[in-house]
Amino acid sequence: MSCCGKAKSVLGTAAAIVEGTVKNAVGIKYEFTDDRIRTCHKCDEQTWMSRLEYAKWLKDNGIEVLKNFDELGKLPKLPKYILDKKRRNLYCRICKCFVPGKARVESEKCPLNKW
């Protein structure tokens, strides 16, 4: 989740991902969370993917993901999908982040500087 702004260490990136995932799982929100998610819903760089589709993309780009883990924005964009019954998770095509998790981490930024 370091794609946006300054690159973090691999450890810092992993910590931010864990923080966002845990906060999303337990429903912790901040005053900025809903606005961030709404902004991403309107963005052309959002995509809806199932966990399986996302896992497949990670697998297909495995070595590049590992080499660029602290700057995933360097990798090719995620494929563009619309929301449907199969695809229920919102991701950023640029930074590859799970948006509801990223939106809950105060230090994270939008790769397009929209928040």
C-alpha atoms as a PDB file:
ATOM      1  CA  MET A   1       0.000   0.000   0.000  1.00  0.00           C
ATOM      2  CA  SER A   2       2.980   2.249  -0.449  1.00  0.00           C
ATOM      3  CA  CYS A   3       2.364   2.969  -4.090  1.00  0.00           C
ATOM      4  CA  CYS A   4       1.010   6.349  -3.307  1.00  0.00           C
ATOM      5  CA  GLY A   5       3.510   8.869  -2.140  1.00  0.00           C
ATOM      6  CA  LYS A   6       6.761   7.789  -0.546  1.00  0.00           C
ATOM      7  CA  ALA A   7       7.781   4.175  -0.838  1.00  0.00           C
ATOM      8  CA  LYS A   8       7.859   2.342   2.454  1.00  0.00           C
ATOM      9  CA  SER A   9       9.998  -0.556   3.424  1.00  0.00           C
ATOM     10  CA  VAL A  10       8.620  -3.997   2.697  1.00  0.00           C
ATOM     11  CA  LEU A  11       7.916  -4.282   6.416  1.00  0.00           C
ATOM     12  CA  GLY A  12       6.040  -0.969   6.447  1.00  0.00           C
ATOM     13  CA  THR A  13       3.984  -2.018   3.427  1.00  0.00           C
ATOM     14  CA  ALA A  14       3.131  -5.361   5.005  1.00  0.00           C
ATOM     15  CA  ALA A  15       2.166  -3.641   8.269  1.00  0.00           C
ATOM     16  CA  ALA A  16      -0.162  -1.229   6.440  1.00  0.00           C
ATOM     17  CA  ILE A  17      -1.820  -4.108   4.566  1.00  0.00           C
ATOM     18  CA  VAL A  18      -2.350  -6.029   7.809  1.00  0.00           C
ATOM     19  CA  GLU A  19      -3.670  -2.910   9.563  1.00  0.00           C
ATOM     20  CA  GLY A  20      -6.172  -2.178   6.787  1.00  0.00           C
ATOM     21  CA  THR A  21      -7.294  -5.797   6.544  1.00  0.00           C
ATOM     22  CA  VAL A  22      -7.860  -6.126  10.288  1.00  0.00           C
ATOM     23  CA  LYS A  23      -9.688  -2.791  10.548  1.00  0.00           C
ATOM     24  CA  ASN A  24     -11.905  -3.760   7.618  1.00  0.00           C
ATOM     25  CA  ALA A  25     -12.638  -7.194   9.128  1.00  0.00           C
ATOM     26  CA  VAL A  26     -13.691  -5.765  12.494  1.00  0.00           C
ATOM     27  CA  GLY A  27     -15.463  -2.737  11.027  1.00  0.00           C
ATOM     28  CA  ILE A  28     -13.208   0.026  12.340  1.00  0.00           C
ATOM     29  CA  LYS A  29     -13.759   3.247  10.419  1.00  0.00           C
ATOM     30  CA  TYR A  30     -12.448   6.772  10.738  1.00  0.00           C
ATOM     31  CA  GLU A  31     -14.185   9.972   9.737  1.00  0.00           C
ATOM     32  CA  PHE A  32     -12.422   9.847   6.348  1.00  0.00           C
ATOM     33  CA  THR A  33     -13.073   6.174   5.482  1.00  0.00           C
ATOM     34  CA  ASP A  34     -16.475   6.481   3.794  1.00  0.00           C
ATOM     35  CA  ASP A  35     -15.451   9.568   1.786  1.00  0.00           C
ATOM     36  CA  ARG A  36     -12.344   7.767   0.544  1.00  0.00           C
ATOM     37  CA  ILE A  37     -14.338   4.730  -0.538  1.00  0.00           C
ATOM     38  CA  ARG A  38     -16.966   6.901  -2.273  1.00  0.00           C
ATOM     39  CA  THR A  39     -14.194   8.692  -4.158  1.00  0.00           C
ATOM     40  CA  CYS A  40     -12.785   5.354  -5.329  1.00  0.00           C
ATOM     41  CA  HIS A  41     -16.242   4.185  -6.453  1.00  0.00           C
ATOM     42  CA  LYS A  42     -16.325   7.118  -8.891  1.00  0.00           C
ATOM     43  CA  CYS A  43     -12.750   6.703 -10.141  1.00  0.00           C
ATOM     44  CA  ASP A  44     -11.947   5.286 -13.588  1.00  0.00           C
ATOM     45  CA  GLU A  45      -9.075   3.319 -12.047  1.00  0.00           C
ATOM     46  CA  GLN A  46     -11.265   1.168  -9.805  1.00  0.00           C
ATOM     47  CA  THR A  47     -11.998  -2.458 -10.587  1.00  0.00           C
ATOM     48  CA  TRP A  48     -14.182  -5.128  -9.039  1.00  0.00           C
ATOM     49  CA  MET A  49     -12.589  -8.537  -8.643  1.00  0.00           C
ATOM     50  CA  SER A  50     -13.338 -11.706  -6.754  1.00  0.00           C
ATOM     51  CA  ARG A  51     -10.693 -12.879  -4.304  1.00  0.00           C
ATOM     52  CA  LEU A  52      -9.951 -15.729  -6.696  1.00  0.00           C
ATOM     53  CA  GLU A  53      -9.384 -13.335  -9.627  1.00  0.00           C
ATOM     54  CA  TYR A  54      -7.118 -11.191  -7.481  1.00  0.00           C
ATOM     55  CA  ALA A  55      -5.191 -14.233  -6.243  1.00  0.00           C
ATOM     56  CA  LYS A  56      -4.760 -15.393  -9.846  1.00  0.00           C
ATOM     57  CA  TRP A  57      -3.385 -11.980 -10.838  1.00  0.00           C
ATOM     58  CA  LEU A  58      -0.941 -12.130  -7.912  1.00  0.00           C
ATOM     59  CA  LYS A  59       0.127 -15.642  -8.926  1.00  0.00           C
ATOM     60  CA  ASP A  60       0.528 -14.694 -12.598  1.00  0.00           C
ATOM     61  CA  ASN A  61       2.665 -11.692 -11.624  1.00  0.00           C
ATOM     62  CA  GLY A  62       4.326 -13.459  -8.687  1.00  0.00           C
ATOM     63  CA  ILE A  63       8.013 -12.657  -9.178  1.00  0.00           C
ATOM     64  CA  GLU A  64       7.271  -9.043 -10.137  1.00  0.00           C
ATOM     65  CA  VAL A  65       4.992  -8.662  -7.109  1.00  0.00           C
ATOM     66  CA  LEU A  66       7.767  -9.921  -4.846  1.00  0.00           C
ATOM     67  CA  LYS A  67      10.430  -7.740  -6.485  1.00  0.00           C
ATOM     68  CA  ASN A  68       8.238  -4.618  -6.299  1.00  0.00           C
ATOM     69  CA  PHE A  69       6.226  -5.344  -3.146  1.00  0.00           C
ATOM     70  CA  ASP A  70       6.978  -1.913  -1.690  1.00  0.00           C
ATOM     71  CA  GLU A  71       5.942  -0.175  -4.948  1.00  0.00           C
ATOM     72  CA  LEU A  72       3.201  -2.196  -6.628  1.00  0.00           C
ATOM     73  CA  GLY A  73       2.260   0.816  -8.747  1.00  0.00           C
ATOM     74  CA  LYS A  74       5.194  -0.102 -10.999  1.00  0.00           C
ATOM     75  CA  LEU A  75       3.399  -3.258 -12.130  1.00  0.00           C
ATOM     76  CA  PRO A  76       0.849  -3.401 -14.973  1.00  0.00           C
ATOM     77  CA  LYS A  77      -2.633  -2.269 -13.967  1.00  0.00           C
ATOM     78  CA  LEU A  78      -5.155  -4.766 -12.686  1.00  0.00           C
ATOM     79  CA  PRO A  79      -7.738  -5.780 -15.300  1.00  0.00           C
ATOM     80  CA  LYS A  80     -10.863  -3.620 -15.425  1.00  0.00           C
ATOM     81  CA  TYR A  81     -14.063  -5.355 -14.299  1.00  0.00           C
ATOM     82  CA  ILE A  82     -17.459  -4.005 -13.362  1.00  0.00           C
ATOM     83  CA  LEU A  83     -19.388  -4.867 -10.212  1.00  0.00           C
ATOM     84  CA  ASP A  84     -21.508  -7.992 -10.627  1.00  0.00           C
ATOM     85  CA  LYS A  85     -22.557 -11.021  -8.573  1.00  0.00           C
ATOM     86  CA  LYS A  86     -19.166 -12.698  -9.106  1.00  0.00           C
ATOM     87  CA  ARG A  87     -16.976  -9.648  -8.507  1.00  0.00           C
ATOM     88  CA  ARG A  88     -17.605  -8.104  -5.110  1.00  0.00           C
ATOM     89  CA  ASN A  89     -14.302  -6.617  -3.960  1.00  0.00           C
ATOM     90  CA  LEU A  90     -13.146  -3.117  -4.874  1.00  0.00           C
ATOM     91  CA  TYR A  91      -9.480  -2.724  -5.825  1.00  0.00           C
ATOM     92  CA  CYS A  92      -7.371   0.091  -7.219  1.00  0.00           C
ATOM     93  CA  ARG A  93      -6.007  -0.805 -10.646  1.00  0.00           C
ATOM     94  CA  ILE A  94      -2.930   1.372 -10.112  1.00  0.00           C
ATOM     95  CA  CYS A  95      -1.723   0.419  -6.647  1.00  0.00           C
ATOM     96  CA  LYS A  96      -3.390  -3.040  -6.504  1.00  0.00           C
ATOM     97  CA  CYS A  97      -4.829  -2.287  -3.051  1.00  0.00           C
ATOM     98  CA  PHE A  98      -8.092  -3.557  -1.588  1.00  0.00           C
ATOM     99  CA  VAL A  99      -9.819  -0.191  -1.281  1.00  0.00           C
ATOM    100  CA  PRO A 100     -11.932  -0.806   1.869  1.00  0.00           C
ATOM    101  CA  GLY A 101      -8.757  -1.808   3.718  1.00  0.00           C
ATOM    102  CA  LYS A 102      -6.577   0.984   2.366  1.00  0.00           C
ATOM    103  CA  ALA A 103      -9.245   3.586   3.155  1.00  0.00           C
ATOM    104  CA  ARG A 104      -8.994   2.677   6.847  1.00  0.00           C
ATOM    105  CA  VAL A 105      -5.268   3.411   7.158  1.00  0.00           C
ATOM    106  CA  GLU A 106      -4.749   7.098   7.895  1.00  0.00           C
ATOM    107  CA  SER A 107      -1.244   7.274   6.416  1.00  0.00           C
ATOM    108  CA  GLU A 108      -2.264   5.826   3.046  1.00  0.00           C
ATOM    109  CA  LYS A 109      -2.813   8.044   0.009  1.00  0.00           C
ATOM    110  CA  CYS A 110      -4.654   7.736  -3.291  1.00  0.00           C
ATOM    111  CA  PRO A 111      -2.276   7.153  -6.231  1.00  0.00           C
ATOM    112  CA  LEU A 112      -4.115   9.911  -8.116  1.00  0.00           C
ATOM    113  CA  ASN A 113      -4.080  12.265  -5.114  1.00  0.00           C
ATOM    114  CA  LYS A 114      -7.863  12.292  -4.859  1.00  0.00           C
ATOM    115  CA  TRP A 115      -7.590  11.738  -1.080  1.00  0.00           C
END
